[in-house]
Amino acid sequence: MCYYLLRKTYINNVWYKIDKAYASAPWYIHKQAVTSYSPIEWNYCTKASYTVRKRPTFPWRYTIDVNNYAEDVDGNVFGGPLCASVGGWRRNANSSKLAVAPCFLPKLFDGPYWVVHYDESEGYALISGGQPTKDTGNGCTTGTRTNNSGLWIFLRTPQRDDEKVAMVEQLAINAGFDTSVLNDVIHQDCSYDEE
């Protein structure tokens, strides 16, 4: 069942173009699943920024710069720069599937970050770390390691909008995700270092 979860969504023409609008401003994560690179201890001040490059990187031809940022409860900063491309080396370049990796690695080693739902005017996005494969009985999840893992609720502002977060979580449930893997991210007393 889980293998066809997102495939069914996309067959119903729910594709979201990752473009300059998507990358126009930072995304603040308000809920996220635990992964090996995003432990629950880092669920503070978490955000992701994207910049569409004028020219692809050499030699791997990444087209988007990514900067992930997170803090722990003591204010220690984690994350940093990554590179991405729409579609990755084996995916449709016109899709809503972003492929992310450290910039020095070839696209062969990228990890999937799929935009499952996105509305710029409402300021939200639901992101899956690829195709969910595990059926928990309450829905489907991805893994918890580096690639093919994670589930995120993004908003355009660090201010918590519980109604919007609940609406995006319901979109995830309707798509077949097990949202019990999601944990709150706290956005209080954040410096976001580079701002």
N, C-alpha and C. Protein backbone atom coordinates (compact mmCIF):
# COMPACT_ATOMS: atom_id res chain seq x y z
N MET A 1 0.81 -1.19 0.00
CA MET A 1 0.00 0.00 0.00
C MET A 1 0.86 1.26 0.00
N CYS A 2 1.89 1.32 0.84
CA CYS A 2 2.68 2.54 0.98
C CYS A 2 3.40 2.91 -0.30
N TYR A 3 3.86 1.93 -1.05
CA TYR A 3 4.61 2.21 -2.27
C TYR A 3 3.80 3.08 -3.23
N TYR A 4 2.49 2.90 -3.24
CA TYR A 4 1.65 3.63 -4.19
C TYR A 4 1.07 4.92 -3.61
N LEU A 5 1.38 5.23 -2.36
CA LEU A 5 0.80 6.39 -1.68
C LEU A 5 1.02 7.68 -2.46
N LEU A 6 2.26 8.07 -2.69
CA LEU A 6 2.53 9.31 -3.40
C LEU A 6 2.35 9.17 -4.90
N ARG A 7 2.56 7.99 -5.42
CA ARG A 7 2.33 7.77 -6.85
C ARG A 7 0.88 8.10 -7.17
N LYS A 8 -0.05 7.67 -6.32
CA LYS A 8 -1.47 7.96 -6.54
C LYS A 8 -1.73 9.47 -6.48
N THR A 9 -1.11 10.14 -5.54
CA THR A 9 -1.28 11.59 -5.43
C THR A 9 -0.85 12.26 -6.71
N TYR A 10 0.29 11.87 -7.27
CA TYR A 10 0.80 12.52 -8.46
C TYR A 10 0.01 12.14 -9.70
N ILE A 11 -0.54 10.93 -9.75
CA ILE A 11 -1.39 10.55 -10.87
C ILE A 11 -2.62 11.45 -10.91
N ASN A 12 -3.07 11.92 -9.75
CA ASN A 12 -4.21 12.83 -9.69
C ASN A 12 -3.79 14.27 -9.98
N ASN A 13 -2.63 14.45 -10.63
CA ASN A 13 -2.14 15.76 -11.08
C ASN A 13 -1.83 16.73 -9.96
N VAL A 14 -1.44 16.24 -8.81
CA VAL A 14 -1.04 17.12 -7.72
C VAL A 14 0.48 17.26 -7.79
N TRP A 15 0.94 18.08 -8.72
CA TRP A 15 2.36 18.37 -8.88
C TRP A 15 2.60 19.82 -8.51
N TYR A 16 3.68 20.09 -7.82
CA TYR A 16 4.01 21.45 -7.42
C TYR A 16 5.38 21.78 -7.99
N LYS A 17 5.45 22.83 -8.78
CA LYS A 17 6.71 23.20 -9.40
C LYS A 17 7.62 23.87 -8.37
N ILE A 18 8.81 23.35 -8.24
CA ILE A 18 9.81 23.97 -7.38
C ILE A 18 10.51 25.02 -8.24
N ASP A 19 10.27 26.27 -7.92
CA ASP A 19 10.79 27.35 -8.74
C ASP A 19 11.22 28.51 -7.85
N LYS A 20 11.38 29.68 -8.46
CA LYS A 20 11.84 30.85 -7.70
C LYS A 20 10.84 31.26 -6.62
N ALA A 21 9.56 31.03 -6.83
CA ALA A 21 8.57 31.36 -5.79
C ALA A 21 8.80 30.49 -4.56
N TYR A 22 8.98 29.19 -4.77
CA TYR A 22 9.23 28.27 -3.66
C TYR A 22 10.50 28.68 -2.91
N ALA A 23 11.50 29.15 -3.66
CA ALA A 23 12.80 29.51 -3.09
C ALA A 23 12.89 30.99 -2.71
N SER A 24 11.80 31.72 -2.77
CA SER A 24 11.83 33.17 -2.60
C SER A 24 12.06 33.65 -1.18
N ALA A 25 11.79 32.82 -0.20
CA ALA A 25 11.92 33.22 1.21
C ALA A 25 12.18 31.98 2.04
N PRO A 26 12.69 32.16 3.26
CA PRO A 26 12.95 30.99 4.11
C PRO A 26 11.67 30.24 4.47
N TRP A 27 11.84 28.96 4.72
CA TRP A 27 10.76 28.12 5.24
C TRP A 27 11.12 27.79 6.69
N TYR A 28 10.16 27.94 7.57
CA TYR A 28 10.35 27.63 8.99
C TYR A 28 9.61 26.33 9.27
N ILE A 29 10.33 25.36 9.81
CA ILE A 29 9.76 24.04 10.06
C ILE A 29 9.04 24.09 11.40
N HIS A 30 7.77 23.67 11.40
CA HIS A 30 6.97 23.68 12.62
C HIS A 30 6.70 22.28 13.16
N LYS A 31 6.81 21.29 12.30
CA LYS A 31 6.75 19.89 12.74
C LYS A 31 7.68 19.10 11.84
N GLN A 32 8.35 18.12 12.45
CA GLN A 32 9.23 17.27 11.65
C GLN A 32 9.41 15.91 12.32
N ALA A 33 9.69 14.93 11.48
CA ALA A 33 10.00 13.58 11.96
C ALA A 33 11.48 13.50 12.30
N VAL A 34 11.82 12.63 13.20
CA VAL A 34 13.21 12.39 13.57
C VAL A 34 13.91 11.64 12.44
N THR A 35 15.12 12.11 12.09
CA THR A 35 15.98 11.41 11.14
C THR A 35 17.39 11.37 11.74
N SER A 36 18.30 10.66 11.10
CA SER A 36 19.67 10.58 11.62
C SER A 36 20.36 11.93 11.59
N TYR A 37 19.98 12.82 10.68
CA TYR A 37 20.60 14.14 10.57
C TYR A 37 19.75 15.24 11.21
N SER A 38 18.64 14.86 11.83
CA SER A 38 17.77 15.83 12.48
C SER A 38 17.14 15.20 13.72
N PRO A 39 17.96 14.96 14.76
CA PRO A 39 17.42 14.34 15.97
C PRO A 39 16.47 15.29 16.70
N ILE A 40 15.64 14.75 17.54
CA ILE A 40 14.63 15.55 18.24
C ILE A 40 15.27 16.65 19.10
N GLU A 41 16.51 16.45 19.52
CA GLU A 41 17.20 17.46 20.32
C GLU A 41 17.46 18.75 19.54
N TRP A 42 17.35 18.69 18.21
CA TRP A 42 17.59 19.87 17.36
C TRP A 42 16.27 20.49 16.90
N ASN A 43 15.20 20.25 17.58
CA ASN A 43 13.88 20.79 17.17
C ASN A 43 13.65 22.20 17.71
N TYR A 44 14.63 23.06 17.48
CA TYR A 44 14.55 24.46 17.88
C TYR A 44 15.00 25.33 16.71
N CYS A 45 14.21 26.36 16.41
CA CYS A 45 14.61 27.38 15.43
C CYS A 45 14.97 26.78 14.07
N THR A 46 14.31 25.73 13.68
CA THR A 46 14.66 25.01 12.46
C THR A 46 14.08 25.71 11.23
N LYS A 47 14.95 25.93 10.24
CA LYS A 47 14.49 26.55 9.01
C LYS A 47 15.32 26.04 7.84
N ALA A 48 14.78 26.25 6.65
CA ALA A 48 15.47 25.89 5.40
C ALA A 48 15.34 27.05 4.44
N SER A 49 16.45 27.42 3.82
CA SER A 49 16.46 28.48 2.82
C SER A 49 16.95 27.91 1.50
N TYR A 50 16.34 28.34 0.43
CA TYR A 50 16.68 27.87 -0.91
C TYR A 50 16.97 29.08 -1.80
N THR A 51 17.96 28.94 -2.67
CA THR A 51 18.27 29.96 -3.66
C THR A 51 18.49 29.28 -4.99
N VAL A 52 17.71 29.68 -6.00
CA VAL A 52 17.89 29.13 -7.34
C VAL A 52 19.16 29.77 -7.93
N ARG A 53 20.07 28.94 -8.37
CA ARG A 53 21.34 29.42 -8.91
C ARG A 53 21.17 29.96 -10.33
N LYS A 54 21.97 30.95 -10.67
CA LYS A 54 21.96 31.46 -12.05
C LYS A 54 22.59 30.46 -13.00
N ARG A 55 23.59 29.74 -12.49
CA ARG A 55 24.27 28.71 -13.27
C ARG A 55 24.45 27.47 -12.40
N PRO A 56 24.34 26.30 -12.99
CA PRO A 56 24.55 25.07 -12.21
C PRO A 56 25.98 24.98 -11.69
N THR A 57 26.15 24.24 -10.59
CA THR A 57 27.48 24.02 -10.04
C THR A 57 28.29 23.16 -11.00
N PHE A 58 29.59 23.21 -10.83
CA PHE A 58 30.48 22.35 -11.62
C PHE A 58 31.18 21.42 -10.64
N PRO A 59 31.26 20.15 -10.86
CA PRO A 59 30.86 19.44 -12.07
C PRO A 59 29.48 18.79 -11.98
N TRP A 60 28.81 18.85 -10.81
CA TRP A 60 27.62 18.03 -10.60
C TRP A 60 26.32 18.69 -11.07
N ARG A 61 26.37 19.95 -11.47
CA ARG A 61 25.23 20.64 -12.08
C ARG A 61 24.02 20.78 -11.15
N TYR A 62 24.29 21.03 -9.87
CA TYR A 62 23.20 21.36 -8.95
C TYR A 62 22.68 22.75 -9.29
N THR A 63 21.38 22.95 -9.17
CA THR A 63 20.77 24.21 -9.59
C THR A 63 20.19 25.04 -8.43
N ILE A 64 20.25 24.51 -7.23
CA ILE A 64 19.68 25.19 -6.06
C ILE A 64 20.65 25.08 -4.89
N ASP A 65 20.89 26.22 -4.23
CA ASP A 65 21.65 26.22 -2.98
C ASP A 65 20.66 26.06 -1.83
N VAL A 66 21.00 25.23 -0.87
CA VAL A 66 20.15 24.97 0.29
C VAL A 66 20.95 25.31 1.54
N ASN A 67 20.31 25.97 2.49
CA ASN A 67 20.95 26.18 3.78
C ASN A 67 19.98 25.75 4.87
N ASN A 68 20.33 24.69 5.57
CA ASN A 68 19.51 24.20 6.67
C ASN A 68 20.08 24.76 7.98
N TYR A 69 19.17 25.06 8.90
CA TYR A 69 19.57 25.67 10.16
C TYR A 69 18.72 25.07 11.27
N ALA A 70 19.36 24.71 12.37
CA ALA A 70 18.65 24.22 13.55
C ALA A 70 19.48 24.54 14.78
N GLU A 71 18.81 24.60 15.91
CA GLU A 71 19.50 24.79 17.19
C GLU A 71 19.03 23.71 18.16
N ASP A 72 19.84 23.50 19.19
CA ASP A 72 19.38 22.66 20.29
C ASP A 72 18.90 23.59 21.41
N VAL A 73 18.50 23.03 22.52
CA VAL A 73 17.93 23.81 23.61
C VAL A 73 18.93 24.83 24.18
N ASP A 74 20.23 24.56 24.03
CA ASP A 74 21.26 25.46 24.54
C ASP A 74 21.70 26.51 23.52
N GLY A 75 21.09 26.51 22.33
CA GLY A 75 21.44 27.49 21.30
C GLY A 75 22.59 27.10 20.41
N ASN A 76 23.09 25.86 20.55
CA ASN A 76 24.13 25.38 19.63
C ASN A 76 23.53 25.22 18.25
N VAL A 77 24.27 25.63 17.22
CA VAL A 77 23.77 25.66 15.85
C VAL A 77 24.21 24.42 15.09
N PHE A 78 23.29 23.88 14.28
CA PHE A 78 23.54 22.71 13.44
C PHE A 78 23.03 22.99 12.04
N GLY A 79 23.49 22.21 11.09
CA GLY A 79 23.04 22.36 9.71
C GLY A 79 24.15 22.91 8.85
N GLY A 80 23.77 23.65 7.80
CA GLY A 80 24.75 24.23 6.91
C GLY A 80 24.35 24.09 5.46
N PRO A 81 25.29 24.43 4.57
CA PRO A 81 24.97 24.45 3.14
C PRO A 81 24.92 23.06 2.52
N LEU A 82 23.98 22.93 1.59
CA LEU A 82 23.84 21.74 0.76
C LEU A 82 23.52 22.20 -0.65
N CYS A 83 23.47 21.27 -1.57
CA CYS A 83 23.09 21.59 -2.95
C CYS A 83 21.91 20.71 -3.35
N ALA A 84 21.15 21.19 -4.32
CA ALA A 84 19.97 20.45 -4.75
C ALA A 84 19.73 20.66 -6.24
N SER A 85 18.91 19.79 -6.77
CA SER A 85 18.43 19.94 -8.14
C SER A 85 17.00 19.44 -8.18
N VAL A 86 16.26 19.98 -9.11
CA VAL A 86 14.88 19.53 -9.29
C VAL A 86 14.95 18.24 -10.08
N GLY A 87 14.42 17.20 -9.50
CA GLY A 87 14.40 15.92 -10.19
C GLY A 87 15.58 15.03 -9.89
N GLY A 88 16.76 15.58 -9.61
CA GLY A 88 17.94 14.75 -9.35
C GLY A 88 18.41 14.04 -10.60
N TRP A 89 19.30 13.11 -10.46
CA TRP A 89 19.90 12.46 -11.63
C TRP A 89 18.98 11.44 -12.27
N ARG A 90 17.96 10.97 -11.55
CA ARG A 90 17.13 9.90 -12.11
C ARG A 90 15.65 10.27 -12.11
N ARG A 91 15.35 11.56 -11.96
CA ARG A 91 13.95 11.94 -11.82
C ARG A 91 13.57 12.99 -12.86
N ASN A 92 12.28 13.19 -13.02
CA ASN A 92 11.74 14.16 -13.96
C ASN A 92 12.10 15.58 -13.53
N ALA A 93 12.78 16.31 -14.39
CA ALA A 93 13.23 17.66 -14.06
C ALA A 93 12.08 18.65 -13.92
N ASN A 94 10.89 18.29 -14.35
CA ASN A 94 9.74 19.17 -14.21
C ASN A 94 8.86 18.78 -13.04
N SER A 95 9.36 17.96 -12.16
CA SER A 95 8.55 17.43 -11.07
C SER A 95 8.70 18.28 -9.81
N SER A 96 7.97 17.88 -8.79
CA SER A 96 8.08 18.53 -7.48
C SER A 96 9.00 17.73 -6.56
N LYS A 97 9.89 16.98 -7.16
CA LYS A 97 10.82 16.18 -6.39
C LYS A 97 12.19 16.85 -6.36
N LEU A 98 12.53 17.38 -5.20
CA LEU A 98 13.83 18.01 -5.02
C LEU A 98 14.80 16.92 -4.55
N ALA A 99 16.01 16.97 -5.07
CA ALA A 99 17.05 16.01 -4.69
C ALA A 99 18.20 16.79 -4.05
N VAL A 100 18.58 16.42 -2.81
CA VAL A 100 19.51 17.21 -2.02
C VAL A 100 20.71 16.35 -1.60
N ALA A 101 21.90 16.97 -1.61
CA ALA A 101 23.12 16.27 -1.19
C ALA A 101 24.17 17.31 -0.80
N PRO A 102 25.21 16.87 -0.07
CA PRO A 102 26.36 17.77 0.10
C PRO A 102 26.90 18.14 -1.28
N CYS A 103 27.32 19.37 -1.43
CA CYS A 103 27.69 19.90 -2.76
C CYS A 103 28.84 19.14 -3.43
N PHE A 104 29.70 18.50 -2.65
CA PHE A 104 30.85 17.80 -3.23
C PHE A 104 30.49 16.42 -3.76
N LEU A 105 29.28 15.94 -3.45
CA LEU A 105 28.88 14.60 -3.89
C LEU A 105 28.15 14.65 -5.23
N PRO A 106 28.34 13.63 -6.08
CA PRO A 106 27.56 13.57 -7.31
C PRO A 106 26.09 13.29 -7.02
N LYS A 107 25.24 13.60 -7.97
CA LYS A 107 23.80 13.44 -7.80
C LYS A 107 23.39 12.01 -7.52
N LEU A 108 24.24 11.08 -7.86
CA LEU A 108 23.97 9.67 -7.58
C LEU A 108 23.68 9.45 -6.09
N PHE A 109 24.22 10.31 -5.22
CA PHE A 109 24.09 10.15 -3.78
C PHE A 109 23.08 11.11 -3.15
N ASP A 110 22.29 11.77 -3.98
CA ASP A 110 21.32 12.72 -3.43
C ASP A 110 20.19 12.01 -2.70
N GLY A 111 19.51 12.76 -1.86
CA GLY A 111 18.36 12.24 -1.13
C GLY A 111 17.10 12.96 -1.56
N PRO A 112 15.98 12.25 -1.63
CA PRO A 112 14.74 12.86 -2.10
C PRO A 112 14.04 13.72 -1.05
N TYR A 113 13.58 14.87 -1.49
CA TYR A 113 12.72 15.75 -0.69
C TYR A 113 11.58 16.15 -1.61
N TRP A 114 10.45 15.52 -1.41
CA TRP A 114 9.32 15.69 -2.32
C TRP A 114 8.32 16.69 -1.75
N VAL A 115 7.96 17.65 -2.55
CA VAL A 115 6.94 18.62 -2.17
C VAL A 115 5.59 17.98 -2.43
N VAL A 116 4.94 17.53 -1.37
CA VAL A 116 3.67 16.80 -1.49
C VAL A 116 2.50 17.77 -1.60
N HIS A 117 2.54 18.84 -0.83
CA HIS A 117 1.54 19.92 -0.91
C HIS A 117 2.29 21.24 -0.74
N TYR A 118 1.85 22.27 -1.50
CA TYR A 118 2.51 23.57 -1.45
C TYR A 118 1.52 24.63 -1.90
N ASP A 119 1.43 25.69 -1.10
CA ASP A 119 0.58 26.82 -1.46
C ASP A 119 1.31 28.09 -1.04
N GLU A 120 1.87 28.80 -2.01
CA GLU A 120 2.65 30.00 -1.72
C GLU A 120 1.78 31.09 -1.10
N SER A 121 0.57 31.27 -1.61
CA SER A 121 -0.28 32.33 -1.09
C SER A 121 -0.70 32.07 0.36
N GLU A 122 -0.87 30.80 0.72
CA GLU A 122 -1.19 30.44 2.10
C GLU A 122 0.06 30.27 2.97
N GLY A 123 1.21 30.13 2.31
CA GLY A 123 2.47 30.05 3.05
C GLY A 123 2.74 28.74 3.74
N TYR A 124 2.46 27.62 3.07
CA TYR A 124 2.77 26.33 3.68
C TYR A 124 3.28 25.34 2.64
N ALA A 125 3.98 24.32 3.14
CA ALA A 125 4.42 23.20 2.31
C ALA A 125 4.49 21.95 3.19
N LEU A 126 4.17 20.82 2.59
CA LEU A 126 4.33 19.51 3.22
C LEU A 126 5.39 18.77 2.43
N ILE A 127 6.45 18.35 3.10
CA ILE A 127 7.59 17.73 2.45
C ILE A 127 7.77 16.30 2.97
N SER A 128 8.00 15.38 2.04
CA SER A 128 8.31 13.99 2.41
C SER A 128 9.72 13.67 1.94
N GLY A 129 10.46 12.95 2.75
CA GLY A 129 11.80 12.50 2.38
C GLY A 129 11.72 11.30 1.45
N GLY A 130 11.01 11.46 0.36
CA GLY A 130 10.87 10.40 -0.63
C GLY A 130 9.61 9.59 -0.44
N GLN A 131 9.57 8.46 -1.11
CA GLN A 131 8.41 7.58 -1.10
C GLN A 131 8.28 6.85 0.24
N PRO A 132 7.17 7.01 0.95
CA PRO A 132 6.96 6.23 2.17
C PRO A 132 6.91 4.74 1.85
N THR A 133 7.53 3.94 2.68
CA THR A 133 7.57 2.49 2.42
C THR A 133 7.12 1.65 3.61
N LYS A 134 6.98 2.26 4.77
CA LYS A 134 6.63 1.50 5.98
C LYS A 134 5.18 1.76 6.37
N ASP A 135 4.40 0.69 6.47
CA ASP A 135 3.01 0.80 6.91
C ASP A 135 2.98 0.56 8.41
N THR A 136 2.56 1.57 9.17
CA THR A 136 2.54 1.47 10.63
C THR A 136 1.19 1.02 11.17
N GLY A 137 0.20 0.87 10.28
CA GLY A 137 -1.15 0.60 10.72
C GLY A 137 -1.95 1.88 10.88
N ASN A 138 -1.24 3.01 11.05
CA ASN A 138 -1.87 4.34 11.13
C ASN A 138 -1.57 5.16 9.89
N GLY A 139 -0.96 4.56 8.91
CA GLY A 139 -0.53 5.25 7.70
C GLY A 139 0.88 4.82 7.35
N CYS A 140 1.50 5.59 6.47
CA CYS A 140 2.81 5.22 5.96
C CYS A 140 3.87 6.23 6.38
N THR A 141 5.11 5.75 6.51
CA THR A 141 6.24 6.61 6.85
C THR A 141 7.43 6.27 5.97
N THR A 142 8.37 7.20 5.93
CA THR A 142 9.65 6.94 5.30
C THR A 142 10.57 6.34 6.36
N GLY A 143 11.85 6.26 6.06
CA GLY A 143 12.81 5.75 7.03
C GLY A 143 13.24 6.84 8.00
N THR A 144 14.29 6.55 8.78
CA THR A 144 14.81 7.51 9.76
C THR A 144 16.30 7.75 9.58
N ARG A 145 16.89 7.21 8.54
CA ARG A 145 18.33 7.36 8.34
C ARG A 145 18.63 8.62 7.54
N THR A 146 19.58 8.59 6.63
CA THR A 146 19.97 9.79 5.89
C THR A 146 19.09 10.02 4.67
N ASN A 147 19.07 9.11 3.74
CA ASN A 147 18.24 9.27 2.54
C ASN A 147 16.93 8.51 2.71
N ASN A 148 15.92 8.97 1.96
CA ASN A 148 14.59 8.35 2.00
C ASN A 148 14.02 8.38 3.42
N SER A 149 14.13 9.54 4.04
CA SER A 149 13.64 9.68 5.42
C SER A 149 13.12 11.08 5.66
N GLY A 150 12.13 11.17 6.55
CA GLY A 150 11.66 12.46 7.02
C GLY A 150 10.28 12.86 6.53
N LEU A 151 9.65 13.72 7.31
CA LEU A 151 8.37 14.34 6.98
C LEU A 151 8.39 15.70 7.69
N TRP A 152 8.01 16.77 6.95
CA TRP A 152 8.10 18.12 7.49
C TRP A 152 6.86 18.93 7.15
N ILE A 153 6.50 19.80 8.08
CA ILE A 153 5.49 20.84 7.82
C ILE A 153 6.23 22.17 7.86
N PHE A 154 6.25 22.84 6.69
CA PHE A 154 6.91 24.15 6.54
C PHE A 154 5.86 25.25 6.55
N LEU A 155 6.19 26.37 7.19
CA LEU A 155 5.41 27.61 7.06
C LEU A 155 6.39 28.72 6.70
N ARG A 156 5.87 29.78 6.12
CA ARG A 156 6.72 30.91 5.73
C ARG A 156 7.15 31.78 6.90
N THR A 157 6.51 31.65 8.05
CA THR A 157 6.86 32.48 9.19
C THR A 157 7.27 31.62 10.38
N PRO A 158 8.14 32.16 11.25
CA PRO A 158 8.49 31.40 12.45
C PRO A 158 7.37 31.42 13.49
N GLN A 159 6.43 32.36 13.36
CA GLN A 159 5.32 32.41 14.29
C GLN A 159 4.41 31.20 14.06
N ARG A 160 4.09 30.53 15.13
CA ARG A 160 3.26 29.33 15.05
C ARG A 160 1.82 29.69 14.71
N ASP A 161 1.27 29.03 13.70
CA ASP A 161 -0.14 29.16 13.33
C ASP A 161 -0.73 27.76 13.48
N ASP A 162 -1.26 27.48 14.68
CA ASP A 162 -1.74 26.13 14.98
C ASP A 162 -2.82 25.66 14.01
N GLU A 163 -3.66 26.56 13.58
CA GLU A 163 -4.73 26.20 12.65
C GLU A 163 -4.14 25.76 11.30
N LYS A 164 -3.15 26.50 10.82
CA LYS A 164 -2.53 26.15 9.54
C LYS A 164 -1.72 24.86 9.66
N VAL A 165 -0.99 24.71 10.76
CA VAL A 165 -0.22 23.48 10.98
C VAL A 165 -1.16 22.28 11.01
N ALA A 166 -2.29 22.40 11.70
CA ALA A 166 -3.28 21.31 11.77
C ALA A 166 -3.86 21.00 10.39
N MET A 167 -4.08 22.04 9.58
CA MET A 167 -4.61 21.85 8.24
C MET A 167 -3.60 21.08 7.36
N VAL A 168 -2.32 21.45 7.45
CA VAL A 168 -1.30 20.75 6.66
C VAL A 168 -1.13 19.32 7.17
N GLU A 169 -1.22 19.13 8.48
CA GLU A 169 -1.14 17.77 9.03
C GLU A 169 -2.30 16.93 8.52
N GLN A 170 -3.47 17.52 8.41
CA GLN A 170 -4.63 16.79 7.87
C GLN A 170 -4.41 16.44 6.40
N LEU A 171 -3.76 17.32 5.64
CA LEU A 171 -3.41 17.01 4.24
C LEU A 171 -2.51 15.78 4.20
N ALA A 172 -1.57 15.70 5.14
CA ALA A 172 -0.68 14.55 5.22
C ALA A 172 -1.46 13.27 5.53
N ILE A 173 -2.37 13.36 6.48
CA ILE A 173 -3.20 12.20 6.83
C ILE A 173 -4.04 11.77 5.63
N ASN A 174 -4.63 12.74 4.95
CA ASN A 174 -5.45 12.43 3.77
C ASN A 174 -4.63 11.78 2.67
N ALA A 175 -3.34 12.11 2.60
CA ALA A 175 -2.45 11.51 1.60
C ALA A 175 -1.98 10.12 2.02
N GLY A 176 -2.26 9.71 3.27
CA GLY A 176 -1.90 8.37 3.73
C GLY A 176 -0.70 8.31 4.65
N PHE A 177 -0.18 9.47 5.08
CA PHE A 177 0.96 9.49 5.99
C PHE A 177 0.53 9.19 7.42
N ASP A 178 1.42 8.56 8.18
CA ASP A 178 1.27 8.42 9.62
C ASP A 178 1.92 9.66 10.23
N THR A 179 1.10 10.58 10.72
CA THR A 179 1.64 11.84 11.25
C THR A 179 2.05 11.74 12.72
N SER A 180 1.92 10.56 13.30
CA SER A 180 2.37 10.40 14.69
C SER A 180 3.89 10.53 14.78
N VAL A 181 4.60 10.47 13.64
CA VAL A 181 6.06 10.63 13.64
C VAL A 181 6.48 12.09 13.76
N LEU A 182 5.53 13.02 13.60
CA LEU A 182 5.84 14.45 13.63
C LEU A 182 5.98 14.97 15.05
N ASN A 183 7.01 15.76 15.28
CA ASN A 183 7.26 16.41 16.56
C ASN A 183 7.28 17.92 16.35
N ASP A 184 6.83 18.65 17.36
CA ASP A 184 6.83 20.10 17.27
C ASP A 184 8.25 20.66 17.25
N VAL A 185 8.41 21.76 16.52
CA VAL A 185 9.66 22.54 16.53
C VAL A 185 9.36 23.86 17.23
N ILE A 186 10.21 24.24 18.15
CA ILE A 186 10.02 25.45 18.94
C ILE A 186 10.76 26.62 18.28
N HIS A 187 10.06 27.72 18.07
CA HIS A 187 10.66 28.94 17.50
C HIS A 187 10.54 30.07 18.52
N GLN A 188 11.35 29.99 19.57
CA GLN A 188 11.38 31.04 20.60
C GLN A 188 12.83 31.40 20.88
N ASP A 189 13.09 32.69 21.01
CA ASP A 189 14.44 33.18 21.29
C ASP A 189 15.44 32.71 20.23
N CYS A 190 15.03 32.73 18.98
CA CYS A 190 15.89 32.26 17.88
C CYS A 190 16.70 33.41 17.32
N SER A 191 17.96 33.13 16.99
CA SER A 191 18.79 34.15 16.35
C SER A 191 18.89 33.89 14.85
N TYR A 192 18.65 32.65 14.43
CA TYR A 192 18.79 32.23 13.03
C TYR A 192 20.13 32.68 12.47
N ASP A 193 21.12 32.75 13.30
CA ASP A 193 22.52 33.10 13.06
C ASP A 193 22.79 34.08 11.91
N GLU A 194 22.38 33.72 10.69
CA GLU A 194 22.77 34.55 9.55
C GLU A 194 21.87 35.76 9.33
N GLU A 195 20.78 35.88 10.08
CA GLU A 195 19.86 37.01 9.87
C GLU A 195 20.34 38.25 10.59
